[in-house]
N, C-alpha and C. Protein backbone atom coordinates (compact mmCIF):
# COMPACT_ATOMS: atom_id res chain seq x y z
N MET A 1 64.44 -83.31 -4.53
CA MET A 1 64.70 -84.39 -3.59
C MET A 1 63.94 -85.62 -4.01
N SER A 2 64.62 -86.75 -4.11
CA SER A 2 63.99 -87.98 -4.61
C SER A 2 63.13 -88.63 -3.51
N LYS A 3 62.17 -89.37 -3.94
CA LYS A 3 61.27 -90.07 -3.03
C LYS A 3 61.96 -91.32 -2.45
N LYS A 4 61.61 -91.65 -1.23
CA LYS A 4 62.28 -92.77 -0.51
C LYS A 4 61.40 -93.99 -0.42
N ILE A 5 61.98 -95.11 -0.71
CA ILE A 5 61.26 -96.39 -0.65
C ILE A 5 62.05 -97.36 0.25
N VAL A 6 61.32 -97.97 1.19
CA VAL A 6 61.89 -98.99 2.05
C VAL A 6 61.43 -100.36 1.56
N ILE A 7 62.40 -101.25 1.34
CA ILE A 7 62.12 -102.65 0.96
C ILE A 7 62.41 -103.56 2.14
N ILE A 8 61.36 -104.23 2.57
CA ILE A 8 61.56 -105.21 3.68
C ILE A 8 61.30 -106.62 3.11
N GLU A 9 62.35 -107.35 2.89
CA GLU A 9 62.27 -108.64 2.14
C GLU A 9 63.46 -109.50 2.63
N ASP A 10 63.24 -110.81 2.84
CA ASP A 10 64.32 -111.64 3.32
C ASP A 10 65.05 -112.44 2.21
N GLU A 11 64.64 -112.29 0.99
CA GLU A 11 65.32 -112.96 -0.13
C GLU A 11 66.29 -111.94 -0.76
N LYS A 12 67.57 -112.24 -0.54
CA LYS A 12 68.62 -111.30 -1.00
C LYS A 12 68.58 -111.03 -2.50
N ILE A 13 68.38 -112.10 -3.30
CA ILE A 13 68.37 -111.97 -4.75
C ILE A 13 67.24 -111.01 -5.15
N LEU A 14 66.05 -111.18 -4.55
CA LEU A 14 64.92 -110.33 -4.88
C LEU A 14 65.23 -108.83 -4.49
N ILE A 15 65.84 -108.71 -3.32
CA ILE A 15 66.19 -107.35 -2.84
C ILE A 15 67.09 -106.67 -3.85
N GLU A 16 68.14 -107.41 -4.27
CA GLU A 16 69.10 -106.85 -5.20
C GLU A 16 68.47 -106.43 -6.50
N LEU A 17 67.53 -107.27 -7.01
CA LEU A 17 66.82 -106.99 -8.23
C LEU A 17 65.94 -105.73 -8.08
N LEU A 18 65.13 -105.71 -7.02
CA LEU A 18 64.28 -104.57 -6.72
C LEU A 18 65.07 -103.29 -6.55
N GLU A 19 66.06 -103.39 -5.71
CA GLU A 19 66.90 -102.19 -5.43
C GLU A 19 67.48 -101.58 -6.68
N LYS A 20 68.06 -102.42 -7.53
CA LYS A 20 68.66 -101.94 -8.78
C LYS A 20 67.62 -101.26 -9.69
N LYS A 21 66.53 -101.95 -9.88
CA LYS A 21 65.45 -101.43 -10.76
C LYS A 21 64.87 -100.10 -10.22
N ILE A 22 64.58 -100.07 -8.92
CA ILE A 22 64.00 -98.87 -8.34
C ILE A 22 64.97 -97.69 -8.32
N LYS A 23 66.24 -97.95 -8.08
CA LYS A 23 67.22 -96.90 -8.12
C LYS A 23 67.42 -96.31 -9.53
N GLU A 24 67.32 -97.22 -10.54
CA GLU A 24 67.43 -96.79 -11.93
C GLU A 24 66.31 -95.77 -12.27
N GLU A 25 65.19 -95.88 -11.58
CA GLU A 25 64.08 -94.97 -11.80
C GLU A 25 64.21 -93.65 -11.02
N GLY A 26 65.31 -93.59 -10.25
CA GLY A 26 65.62 -92.34 -9.55
C GLY A 26 65.11 -92.25 -8.09
N TYR A 27 64.55 -93.31 -7.55
CA TYR A 27 64.11 -93.31 -6.14
C TYR A 27 65.32 -93.65 -5.24
N GLU A 28 65.24 -93.18 -4.01
CA GLU A 28 66.18 -93.54 -2.97
C GLU A 28 65.72 -94.81 -2.29
N VAL A 29 66.57 -95.79 -2.15
CA VAL A 29 66.15 -97.13 -1.66
C VAL A 29 66.86 -97.48 -0.36
N PHE A 30 66.12 -97.96 0.60
CA PHE A 30 66.64 -98.48 1.84
C PHE A 30 66.11 -99.93 2.02
N VAL A 31 66.97 -100.85 2.48
CA VAL A 31 66.55 -102.24 2.56
C VAL A 31 66.76 -102.84 3.98
N SER A 32 65.93 -103.80 4.26
CA SER A 32 66.02 -104.55 5.48
C SER A 32 65.67 -106.06 5.20
N LEU A 33 66.39 -106.94 5.89
CA LEU A 33 66.15 -108.37 5.66
C LEU A 33 65.14 -109.02 6.61
N ASN A 34 64.65 -108.24 7.57
CA ASN A 34 63.61 -108.79 8.44
C ASN A 34 62.68 -107.70 8.93
N GLY A 35 61.53 -108.13 9.43
CA GLY A 35 60.47 -107.20 9.79
C GLY A 35 60.84 -106.25 10.95
N LYS A 36 61.55 -106.74 11.93
CA LYS A 36 61.89 -105.90 13.12
C LYS A 36 62.77 -104.75 12.71
N GLU A 37 63.88 -105.05 11.94
CA GLU A 37 64.75 -104.01 11.50
C GLU A 37 64.01 -103.10 10.49
N GLY A 38 63.17 -103.71 9.68
CA GLY A 38 62.40 -102.96 8.69
C GLY A 38 61.50 -101.90 9.34
N LEU A 39 60.87 -102.26 10.43
CA LEU A 39 60.01 -101.30 11.16
C LEU A 39 60.84 -100.14 11.72
N GLU A 40 62.04 -100.46 12.24
CA GLU A 40 62.93 -99.40 12.73
C GLU A 40 63.34 -98.50 11.58
N LEU A 41 63.62 -99.10 10.42
CA LEU A 41 64.03 -98.34 9.23
C LEU A 41 62.90 -97.41 8.81
N ILE A 42 61.65 -97.85 8.87
CA ILE A 42 60.51 -97.01 8.54
C ILE A 42 60.50 -95.77 9.46
N LYS A 43 60.63 -96.01 10.74
CA LYS A 43 60.63 -94.91 11.71
C LYS A 43 61.75 -93.91 11.46
N GLU A 44 62.93 -94.43 11.04
CA GLU A 44 64.12 -93.62 10.85
C GLU A 44 64.07 -92.83 9.51
N VAL A 45 63.69 -93.52 8.42
CA VAL A 45 63.74 -92.96 7.11
C VAL A 45 62.51 -92.15 6.74
N LYS A 46 61.38 -92.53 7.32
CA LYS A 46 60.05 -91.92 6.96
C LYS A 46 59.89 -91.99 5.44
N PRO A 47 59.72 -93.19 4.92
CA PRO A 47 59.65 -93.35 3.45
C PRO A 47 58.34 -92.84 2.86
N ASP A 48 58.36 -92.71 1.55
CA ASP A 48 57.19 -92.38 0.77
C ASP A 48 56.34 -93.60 0.49
N LEU A 49 57.00 -94.79 0.49
CA LEU A 49 56.35 -96.03 0.19
C LEU A 49 57.16 -97.21 0.77
N VAL A 50 56.47 -98.30 1.10
CA VAL A 50 57.12 -99.51 1.62
C VAL A 50 56.76 -100.70 0.76
N LEU A 51 57.73 -101.48 0.35
CA LEU A 51 57.54 -102.77 -0.30
C LEU A 51 57.78 -103.80 0.80
N LEU A 52 56.79 -104.61 1.10
CA LEU A 52 56.86 -105.46 2.30
C LEU A 52 56.54 -106.93 1.96
N ASP A 53 57.43 -107.78 2.36
CA ASP A 53 57.23 -109.27 2.24
C ASP A 53 56.30 -109.65 3.36
N ILE A 54 55.63 -110.77 3.24
CA ILE A 54 54.74 -111.28 4.34
C ILE A 54 55.46 -112.26 5.20
N ILE A 55 56.11 -113.25 4.64
CA ILE A 55 56.75 -114.27 5.44
C ILE A 55 58.24 -113.93 5.62
N MET A 56 58.60 -113.51 6.88
CA MET A 56 59.96 -113.07 7.17
C MET A 56 60.30 -113.42 8.61
N PRO A 57 61.61 -113.38 8.89
CA PRO A 57 62.01 -113.59 10.32
C PRO A 57 61.76 -112.39 11.20
N LYS A 58 61.77 -112.61 12.48
CA LYS A 58 61.60 -111.62 13.53
C LYS A 58 60.21 -111.00 13.65
N LEU A 59 59.78 -110.27 12.61
CA LEU A 59 58.39 -109.84 12.53
C LEU A 59 57.91 -110.17 11.09
N ASN A 60 56.73 -110.76 10.97
CA ASN A 60 56.24 -110.98 9.61
C ASN A 60 55.58 -109.73 9.10
N GLY A 61 55.20 -109.74 7.80
CA GLY A 61 54.59 -108.55 7.20
C GLY A 61 53.36 -108.05 7.88
N TYR A 62 52.53 -108.96 8.33
CA TYR A 62 51.29 -108.58 9.04
C TYR A 62 51.63 -107.81 10.33
N GLU A 63 52.60 -108.37 11.06
CA GLU A 63 52.99 -107.69 12.33
C GLU A 63 53.58 -106.34 12.07
N VAL A 64 54.39 -106.20 11.00
CA VAL A 64 54.93 -104.88 10.65
C VAL A 64 53.78 -103.91 10.36
N MET A 65 52.76 -104.36 9.58
CA MET A 65 51.64 -103.46 9.27
C MET A 65 50.83 -103.11 10.53
N GLU A 66 50.63 -104.11 11.40
CA GLU A 66 49.91 -103.85 12.68
C GLU A 66 50.69 -102.81 13.52
N GLU A 67 52.02 -102.96 13.62
CA GLU A 67 52.82 -102.01 14.36
C GLU A 67 52.79 -100.62 13.71
N MET A 68 52.89 -100.57 12.40
CA MET A 68 52.78 -99.24 11.72
C MET A 68 51.47 -98.59 12.01
N ASN A 69 50.38 -99.33 12.03
CA ASN A 69 49.06 -98.75 12.26
C ASN A 69 48.92 -98.21 13.67
N LYS A 70 49.70 -98.70 14.65
CA LYS A 70 49.71 -98.22 15.99
C LYS A 70 50.39 -96.87 16.11
N LEU A 71 51.30 -96.59 15.19
CA LEU A 71 52.07 -95.34 15.24
C LEU A 71 51.43 -94.32 14.30
N LYS A 72 50.86 -93.26 14.85
CA LYS A 72 50.11 -92.30 14.06
C LYS A 72 50.86 -91.80 12.85
N GLU A 73 52.13 -91.37 13.04
CA GLU A 73 52.85 -90.71 11.91
C GLU A 73 53.37 -91.74 10.86
N PHE A 74 53.30 -93.03 11.19
CA PHE A 74 53.78 -94.02 10.23
C PHE A 74 52.74 -95.03 9.80
N ASN A 75 51.46 -94.73 10.06
CA ASN A 75 50.43 -95.69 9.75
C ASN A 75 50.17 -95.84 8.26
N LEU A 76 49.46 -96.87 7.91
CA LEU A 76 49.28 -97.24 6.51
C LEU A 76 48.38 -96.22 5.74
N LYS A 77 47.71 -95.38 6.48
CA LYS A 77 46.90 -94.32 5.81
C LYS A 77 47.86 -93.26 5.27
N LYS A 78 49.01 -93.08 5.91
CA LYS A 78 49.94 -92.06 5.47
C LYS A 78 51.03 -92.60 4.53
N ILE A 79 51.47 -93.84 4.77
CA ILE A 79 52.57 -94.40 3.97
C ILE A 79 52.00 -95.57 3.21
N PRO A 80 51.89 -95.51 1.87
CA PRO A 80 51.39 -96.63 1.10
C PRO A 80 52.31 -97.86 1.23
N VAL A 81 51.73 -99.01 1.35
CA VAL A 81 52.47 -100.25 1.43
C VAL A 81 52.00 -101.17 0.30
N ILE A 82 52.95 -101.74 -0.40
CA ILE A 82 52.70 -102.77 -1.41
C ILE A 82 53.32 -104.06 -0.88
N ILE A 83 52.49 -105.07 -0.73
CA ILE A 83 53.04 -106.33 -0.19
C ILE A 83 53.55 -107.19 -1.34
N ILE A 84 54.57 -108.01 -1.00
CA ILE A 84 55.14 -108.98 -1.89
C ILE A 84 54.79 -110.31 -1.30
N SER A 85 53.99 -111.10 -2.04
CA SER A 85 53.52 -112.38 -1.49
C SER A 85 54.06 -113.55 -2.27
N ASN A 86 54.38 -114.59 -1.53
CA ASN A 86 54.79 -115.87 -2.21
C ASN A 86 53.62 -116.56 -2.79
N SER A 87 52.51 -116.66 -2.06
CA SER A 87 51.43 -117.50 -2.50
C SER A 87 50.37 -116.77 -3.29
N GLY A 88 50.05 -115.57 -2.86
CA GLY A 88 48.99 -114.85 -3.54
C GLY A 88 47.64 -115.41 -3.21
N GLN A 89 47.53 -116.18 -2.13
CA GLN A 89 46.24 -116.72 -1.74
C GLN A 89 45.31 -115.60 -1.33
N SER A 90 44.03 -115.73 -1.72
CA SER A 90 43.09 -114.64 -1.50
C SER A 90 42.93 -114.34 0.00
N VAL A 91 43.02 -115.30 0.89
CA VAL A 91 42.92 -115.02 2.34
C VAL A 91 44.05 -114.14 2.82
N GLU A 92 45.26 -114.43 2.27
CA GLU A 92 46.45 -113.62 2.63
C GLU A 92 46.31 -112.23 2.11
N ILE A 93 45.92 -112.07 0.88
CA ILE A 93 45.78 -110.75 0.24
C ILE A 93 44.66 -109.96 0.95
N GLU A 94 43.53 -110.63 1.24
CA GLU A 94 42.43 -109.97 1.95
C GLU A 94 42.85 -109.47 3.32
N ARG A 95 43.59 -110.29 4.06
CA ARG A 95 44.04 -109.80 5.41
C ARG A 95 44.88 -108.58 5.27
N ALA A 96 45.83 -108.58 4.29
CA ALA A 96 46.69 -107.41 4.06
C ALA A 96 45.87 -106.20 3.66
N LEU A 97 44.90 -106.37 2.76
CA LEU A 97 44.09 -105.22 2.35
C LEU A 97 43.25 -104.69 3.51
N ASN A 98 42.83 -105.59 4.39
CA ASN A 98 42.07 -105.12 5.58
C ASN A 98 42.94 -104.28 6.53
N LEU A 99 44.25 -104.55 6.50
CA LEU A 99 45.20 -103.79 7.31
C LEU A 99 45.56 -102.45 6.69
N GLY A 100 45.13 -102.25 5.42
CA GLY A 100 45.40 -100.97 4.80
C GLY A 100 46.36 -100.93 3.65
N VAL A 101 46.80 -102.09 3.21
CA VAL A 101 47.73 -102.19 2.12
C VAL A 101 47.09 -101.66 0.86
N ARG A 102 47.87 -100.97 0.02
CA ARG A 102 47.34 -100.39 -1.21
C ARG A 102 47.36 -101.32 -2.42
N ASP A 103 48.34 -102.23 -2.46
CA ASP A 103 48.51 -103.08 -3.64
C ASP A 103 49.37 -104.29 -3.26
N TYR A 104 49.50 -105.23 -4.17
CA TYR A 104 50.32 -106.38 -3.90
C TYR A 104 50.94 -106.92 -5.19
N LEU A 105 52.00 -107.70 -4.98
CA LEU A 105 52.72 -108.38 -6.04
C LEU A 105 52.88 -109.84 -5.69
N ILE A 106 52.82 -110.73 -6.69
CA ILE A 106 53.05 -112.14 -6.43
C ILE A 106 54.42 -112.48 -6.94
N LYS A 107 55.27 -113.06 -6.07
CA LYS A 107 56.64 -113.35 -6.41
C LYS A 107 56.75 -114.27 -7.65
N ALA A 108 55.89 -115.23 -7.74
CA ALA A 108 55.96 -116.18 -8.86
C ALA A 108 55.74 -115.52 -10.23
N GLN A 109 54.92 -114.40 -10.21
CA GLN A 109 54.60 -113.72 -11.45
C GLN A 109 55.36 -112.37 -11.51
N PHE A 110 56.50 -112.33 -10.87
CA PHE A 110 57.23 -111.08 -10.61
C PHE A 110 57.81 -110.48 -11.93
N ASP A 111 57.51 -109.23 -12.12
CA ASP A 111 58.04 -108.45 -13.23
C ASP A 111 58.45 -107.12 -12.75
N PRO A 112 59.81 -106.79 -12.84
CA PRO A 112 60.31 -105.51 -12.34
C PRO A 112 59.55 -104.33 -12.86
N LYS A 113 59.12 -104.36 -14.14
CA LYS A 113 58.39 -103.24 -14.66
C LYS A 113 57.04 -103.03 -13.93
N GLU A 114 56.41 -104.13 -13.55
CA GLU A 114 55.16 -104.06 -12.81
C GLU A 114 55.39 -103.39 -11.45
N VAL A 115 56.49 -103.70 -10.82
CA VAL A 115 56.81 -103.04 -9.53
C VAL A 115 56.86 -101.56 -9.72
N ILE A 116 57.63 -101.10 -10.73
CA ILE A 116 57.79 -99.68 -10.98
C ILE A 116 56.44 -99.03 -11.29
N ASP A 117 55.61 -99.73 -12.10
CA ASP A 117 54.25 -99.19 -12.41
C ASP A 117 53.42 -99.04 -11.15
N LYS A 118 53.51 -100.03 -10.23
CA LYS A 118 52.71 -99.94 -9.01
C LYS A 118 53.22 -98.82 -8.07
N ILE A 119 54.54 -98.66 -8.02
CA ILE A 119 55.14 -97.61 -7.22
C ILE A 119 54.68 -96.24 -7.73
N LYS A 120 54.79 -96.05 -9.07
CA LYS A 120 54.41 -94.78 -9.68
C LYS A 120 52.92 -94.47 -9.49
N LYS A 121 52.12 -95.53 -9.50
CA LYS A 121 50.65 -95.39 -9.28
C LYS A 121 50.39 -94.84 -7.86
N GLN A 122 51.19 -95.28 -6.93
CA GLN A 122 50.98 -94.86 -5.51
C GLN A 122 51.59 -93.49 -5.19
N ILE A 123 52.80 -93.25 -5.66
CA ILE A 123 53.51 -92.03 -5.16
C ILE A 123 54.03 -91.19 -6.32
N GLY A 124 53.78 -91.53 -7.54
CA GLY A 124 54.24 -90.73 -8.65
C GLY A 124 55.70 -91.06 -9.01
N SER A 125 56.28 -90.28 -9.83
CA SER A 125 57.67 -90.53 -10.25
C SER A 125 58.61 -90.07 -9.14
N SER A 126 59.89 -90.39 -9.34
CA SER A 126 60.91 -90.24 -8.30
C SER A 126 61.11 -88.79 -7.80
N GLY A 127 60.70 -87.86 -8.53
CA GLY A 127 60.89 -86.46 -8.08
C GLY A 127 62.08 -85.80 -8.84
N TYR A 128 62.72 -86.59 -9.71
CA TYR A 128 63.85 -86.02 -10.50
C TYR A 128 63.33 -85.15 -11.57
């Protein structure tokens, strides 16, 4: 059974790129364009890992992480989260790390191979 990854990101082009690359590695991928739906998707899918944007409609990435931490079975101690940040400002990264995020990516320096490397570091290969 392949490992499941939820991507919560509001940029469609980035989602398509991530989804294609991650599926090529054998992972099962679920996507959401906003934080509110993404949180529901996490509850429904029970993913092995979440890729999470910070700036999004409905619920931002911080709010999604705070809500996850309130739910025992979905909190960040159990499900690794890698944030996707536009700015990469240290205050933003520090806040996310304090909420329990395992790693982060900067959109401006985005490399699909780096995403796969970070996923594998957190949850191993796809299970194929």
